């Protein structure tokens, strides 16, 4: 949290009671400020574009646009907001889809309030936030080997872990999108994975990137 500024948070949730409860949990903590609320995914995306809060807690199922699609469009737009899905469902397929879309994490609504606050802070600091049980399930699906990545591949993987699309990674590293695609192909081969999400989960679970200590 640079300069002591409050971490700004947007809450996108169509159930008023849940939304108000989440706001109360966050706002009683020092250094956290809820700056917006939305009942629909499309309205949440509009607020993200306009306000660019540090973190957005977005329900999986929302009218207008799903939480996963909201995360995807925010990532494609290159927004700095870290979108974290907060859902009643813990299916692996949803978790993988959310991370593939560029979400900074996936939490269930059973999460204790203290852990939710900690997750918001860690997401703001660049970590991928998953509850331990979810992280363990995903990590167990990956091959158990420690690859040797080049410096450039590590840089690409670190930006990938932030949910950035190829065009933004290319811009940030000053390389072409085709070069990014080549790096990703090499990374996938070395990690023994077949998707962006598996690459990030494997890297974090094997501490190949900062933020891997779930």
Protein backbone atom coordinates (compact mmCIF):
# COMPACT_ATOMS: atom_id res chain seq x y z
CA UNK A 1 0.00 0.00 0.00
CA UNK A 2 2.04 2.85 -1.34
CA UNK A 3 2.25 6.09 0.51
CA UNK A 4 -0.15 4.98 3.22
CA UNK A 5 -3.15 5.48 0.92
CA UNK A 6 -6.23 3.37 1.57
CA UNK A 7 -6.80 0.32 -0.60
CA UNK A 8 -9.87 1.10 -2.69
CA UNK A 9 -12.38 -1.68 -3.28
CA UNK A 10 -15.40 -2.19 -5.53
CA UNK A 11 -18.05 -4.77 -4.58
CA UNK A 12 -20.17 -6.36 -7.31
CA UNK A 13 -22.91 -8.51 -5.80
CA UNK A 14 -26.61 -8.74 -6.65
CA UNK A 15 -27.76 -9.80 -3.18
CA UNK A 16 -28.12 -6.66 -1.07
CA UNK A 17 -27.55 -8.40 2.26
CA UNK A 18 -24.30 -10.02 1.10
CA UNK A 19 -23.12 -6.77 -0.47
CA UNK A 20 -23.83 -4.74 2.65
CA UNK A 21 -22.19 -7.38 4.86
CA UNK A 22 -19.06 -7.40 2.72
CA UNK A 23 -18.88 -3.60 2.80
CA UNK A 24 -19.19 -3.64 6.61
CA UNK A 25 -16.39 -6.22 6.96
CA UNK A 26 -14.04 -4.20 4.77
CA UNK A 27 -14.79 -0.72 6.06
CA UNK A 28 -14.22 -1.58 9.69
CA UNK A 29 -10.62 -2.38 8.79
CA UNK A 30 -8.00 0.40 8.72
CA UNK A 31 -6.60 1.14 5.29
CA UNK A 32 -9.54 -0.25 3.30
CA UNK A 33 -12.16 1.90 1.57
CA UNK A 34 -15.18 0.70 -0.42
CA UNK A 35 -15.55 3.22 -3.24
CA UNK A 36 -18.33 1.62 -5.25
CA UNK A 37 -21.00 -1.05 -5.44
CA UNK A 38 -22.79 -2.68 -8.36
CA UNK A 39 -25.65 -5.14 -8.66
CA UNK A 40 -24.84 -6.12 -12.27
CA UNK A 41 -21.70 -7.25 -14.04
CA UNK A 42 -21.98 -4.71 -16.84
CA UNK A 43 -22.38 -1.88 -14.33
CA UNK A 44 -19.40 -3.22 -12.39
CA UNK A 45 -17.26 -3.09 -15.52
CA UNK A 46 -18.35 0.49 -16.19
CA UNK A 47 -17.36 1.45 -12.64
CA UNK A 48 -14.02 -0.34 -13.01
CA UNK A 49 -13.26 1.66 -16.15
CA UNK A 50 -14.26 4.93 -14.52
CA UNK A 51 -12.79 4.53 -11.02
CA UNK A 52 -10.05 1.88 -11.40
CA UNK A 53 -10.16 0.78 -7.75
CA UNK A 54 -7.27 -1.29 -6.44
CA UNK A 55 -9.37 -4.43 -5.95
CA UNK A 56 -12.82 -5.57 -7.10
CA UNK A 57 -14.70 -8.34 -5.31
CA UNK A 58 -17.04 -9.70 -7.97
CA UNK A 59 -19.71 -12.38 -7.60
CA UNK A 60 -19.48 -15.29 -10.04
CA UNK A 61 -23.09 -15.06 -11.19
CA UNK A 62 -24.35 -11.57 -11.87
CA UNK A 63 -27.13 -10.16 -14.06
CA UNK A 64 -25.92 -8.41 -17.19
CA UNK A 65 -22.48 -10.03 -17.26
CA UNK A 66 -20.89 -12.86 -15.28
CA UNK A 67 -18.06 -12.21 -12.87
CA UNK A 68 -15.72 -14.22 -15.09
CA UNK A 69 -16.59 -12.14 -18.15
CA UNK A 70 -16.17 -8.96 -16.10
CA UNK A 71 -12.68 -10.10 -15.10
CA UNK A 72 -11.85 -11.00 -18.70
CA UNK A 73 -12.90 -7.63 -20.09
CA UNK A 74 -11.09 -5.75 -17.34
CA UNK A 75 -7.90 -7.67 -18.14
CA UNK A 76 -8.26 -7.14 -21.88
CA UNK A 77 -8.68 -3.41 -21.28
CA UNK A 78 -5.41 -3.39 -19.31
CA UNK A 79 -7.08 -2.06 -16.16
CA UNK A 80 -4.91 -2.03 -13.04
CA UNK A 81 -7.76 -3.28 -10.83
CA UNK A 82 -7.20 -6.73 -9.36
CA UNK A 83 -10.49 -8.59 -9.86
CA UNK A 84 -11.16 -11.33 -7.31
CA UNK A 85 -14.15 -13.63 -7.74
CA UNK A 86 -16.17 -14.11 -4.55
CA UNK A 87 -18.55 -17.01 -5.10
CA UNK A 88 -20.86 -19.48 -3.42
CA UNK A 89 -19.43 -22.21 -5.68
CA UNK A 90 -16.04 -23.91 -5.32
CA UNK A 91 -16.05 -26.09 -8.46
CA UNK A 92 -12.60 -26.46 -9.98
CA UNK A 93 -13.99 -25.56 -13.40
CA UNK A 94 -15.14 -22.16 -12.17
CA UNK A 95 -11.81 -21.49 -10.47
CA UNK A 96 -9.82 -22.40 -13.58
CA UNK A 97 -12.13 -20.36 -15.83
CA UNK A 98 -11.82 -17.32 -13.55
CA UNK A 99 -8.02 -17.45 -13.47
CA UNK A 100 -7.91 -18.07 -17.22
CA UNK A 101 -10.00 -14.92 -17.66
CA UNK A 102 -7.43 -12.86 -15.75
CA UNK A 103 -8.94 -12.82 -12.27
CA UNK A 104 -6.47 -12.20 -9.43
CA UNK A 105 -8.04 -14.89 -7.31
CA UNK A 106 -11.09 -16.92 -6.38
CA UNK A 107 -12.65 -17.02 -2.91
CA UNK A 108 -15.80 -18.65 -1.58
CA UNK A 109 -18.38 -16.83 0.49
CA UNK A 110 -17.63 -19.13 3.43
CA UNK A 111 -14.28 -17.38 3.90
CA UNK A 112 -13.79 -15.90 7.41
CA UNK A 113 -13.83 -12.11 7.50
CA UNK A 114 -10.19 -11.83 8.61
CA UNK A 115 -9.09 -13.99 5.68
CA UNK A 116 -11.16 -11.91 3.26
CA UNK A 117 -9.46 -8.73 4.46
CA UNK A 118 -6.05 -10.39 4.16
CA UNK A 119 -6.90 -11.60 0.65
CA UNK A 120 -7.85 -8.09 -0.44
CA UNK A 121 -4.54 -6.75 0.82
CA UNK A 122 -2.53 -9.52 -0.81
CA UNK A 123 -4.38 -9.12 -4.10
CA UNK A 124 -3.60 -5.42 -4.03
CA UNK A 125 0.08 -6.31 -3.55
CA UNK A 126 0.06 -8.51 -6.66
CA UNK A 127 -0.57 -11.99 -5.26
CA UNK A 128 -2.94 -14.56 -6.74
CA UNK A 129 -5.35 -15.27 -3.86
CA UNK A 130 -6.92 -18.70 -3.46
CA UNK A 131 -8.15 -20.35 -0.30
CA UNK A 132 -5.79 -23.18 0.69
CA UNK A 133 -8.22 -25.98 -0.19
CA UNK A 134 -8.80 -24.58 -3.68
CA UNK A 135 -5.09 -24.02 -4.26
CA UNK A 136 -4.23 -27.53 -3.09
CA UNK A 137 -6.79 -29.12 -5.40
CA UNK A 138 -5.51 -27.23 -8.42
CA UNK A 139 -1.85 -27.79 -7.60
CA UNK A 140 -2.41 -31.54 -7.21
CA UNK A 141 -3.49 -31.71 -10.85
CA UNK A 142 -0.15 -30.45 -12.11
CA UNK A 143 3.03 -32.36 -12.77
CA UNK A 144 5.52 -32.36 -9.93
CA UNK A 145 8.76 -31.14 -11.47
CA UNK A 146 10.80 -27.99 -11.15
CA UNK A 147 11.71 -26.51 -14.55
CA UNK A 148 14.47 -24.05 -15.38
CA UNK A 149 13.00 -20.89 -16.89
CA UNK A 150 15.02 -18.18 -18.57
CA UNK A 151 14.97 -14.65 -17.17
CA UNK A 152 12.64 -13.50 -19.95
CA UNK A 153 10.34 -16.47 -19.43
CA UNK A 154 10.15 -15.61 -15.74
CA UNK A 155 9.23 -12.03 -16.63
CA UNK A 156 6.50 -13.21 -19.00
CA UNK A 157 5.18 -15.66 -16.39
CA UNK A 158 5.09 -12.99 -13.71
CA UNK A 159 2.99 -10.71 -15.93
CA UNK A 160 0.82 -13.68 -16.85
CA UNK A 161 0.16 -14.23 -13.14
CA UNK A 162 -1.23 -10.70 -12.98
CA UNK A 163 -3.88 -11.70 -15.50
CA UNK A 164 -2.51 -9.55 -18.32
CA UNK A 165 -3.34 -10.47 -21.94
CA UNK A 166 -0.56 -11.05 -24.47
CA UNK A 167 -0.78 -7.59 -26.01
CA UNK A 168 -0.25 -5.91 -22.64
CA UNK A 169 2.63 -8.26 -21.74
CA UNK A 170 4.23 -7.43 -25.09
CA UNK A 171 3.84 -3.71 -24.46
CA UNK A 172 5.24 -3.88 -20.92
CA UNK A 173 8.29 -5.90 -22.00
CA UNK A 174 8.85 -4.05 -25.26
CA UNK A 175 8.52 -7.16 -27.41
CA UNK A 176 6.08 -8.35 -30.06
CA UNK A 177 2.96 -10.40 -29.35
CA UNK A 178 4.43 -13.20 -31.48
CA UNK A 179 7.49 -13.26 -29.20
CA UNK A 180 5.20 -13.44 -26.16
CA UNK A 181 3.38 -16.38 -27.75
CA UNK A 182 6.70 -18.13 -28.35
CA UNK A 183 7.74 -17.59 -24.73
CA UNK A 184 4.41 -18.96 -23.52
CA UNK A 185 4.78 -22.05 -25.69
CA UNK A 186 8.22 -22.69 -24.19
CA UNK A 187 6.93 -22.04 -20.66
CA UNK A 188 4.04 -24.46 -21.13
CA UNK A 189 6.43 -27.11 -22.40
CA UNK A 190 8.85 -26.69 -19.51
CA UNK A 191 6.10 -26.72 -16.90
CA UNK A 192 4.27 -29.62 -18.52
CA UNK A 193 0.99 -27.71 -18.67
CA UNK A 194 -1.43 -26.78 -21.42
CA UNK A 195 -3.08 -23.53 -20.28
CA UNK A 196 -2.27 -20.12 -18.85
CA UNK A 197 -4.03 -20.96 -15.58
CA UNK A 198 -2.13 -24.22 -15.09
CA UNK A 199 1.12 -22.38 -15.73
CA UNK A 200 0.35 -19.78 -13.04
CA UNK A 201 -0.90 -22.31 -10.48
CA UNK A 202 2.15 -24.54 -11.06
CA UNK A 203 4.54 -21.59 -10.76
CA UNK A 204 2.96 -20.36 -7.54
CA UNK A 205 2.64 -23.79 -5.94
CA UNK A 206 6.33 -24.44 -6.65
CA UNK A 207 7.39 -20.95 -5.57
CA UNK A 208 8.67 -20.03 -9.02
CA UNK A 209 7.07 -16.59 -8.62
CA UNK A 210 6.54 -14.07 -5.81
CA UNK A 211 3.21 -14.63 -4.07
CA UNK A 212 3.43 -18.41 -4.18
CA UNK A 213 3.06 -18.80 -0.42
CA UNK A 214 -0.66 -19.52 -0.20
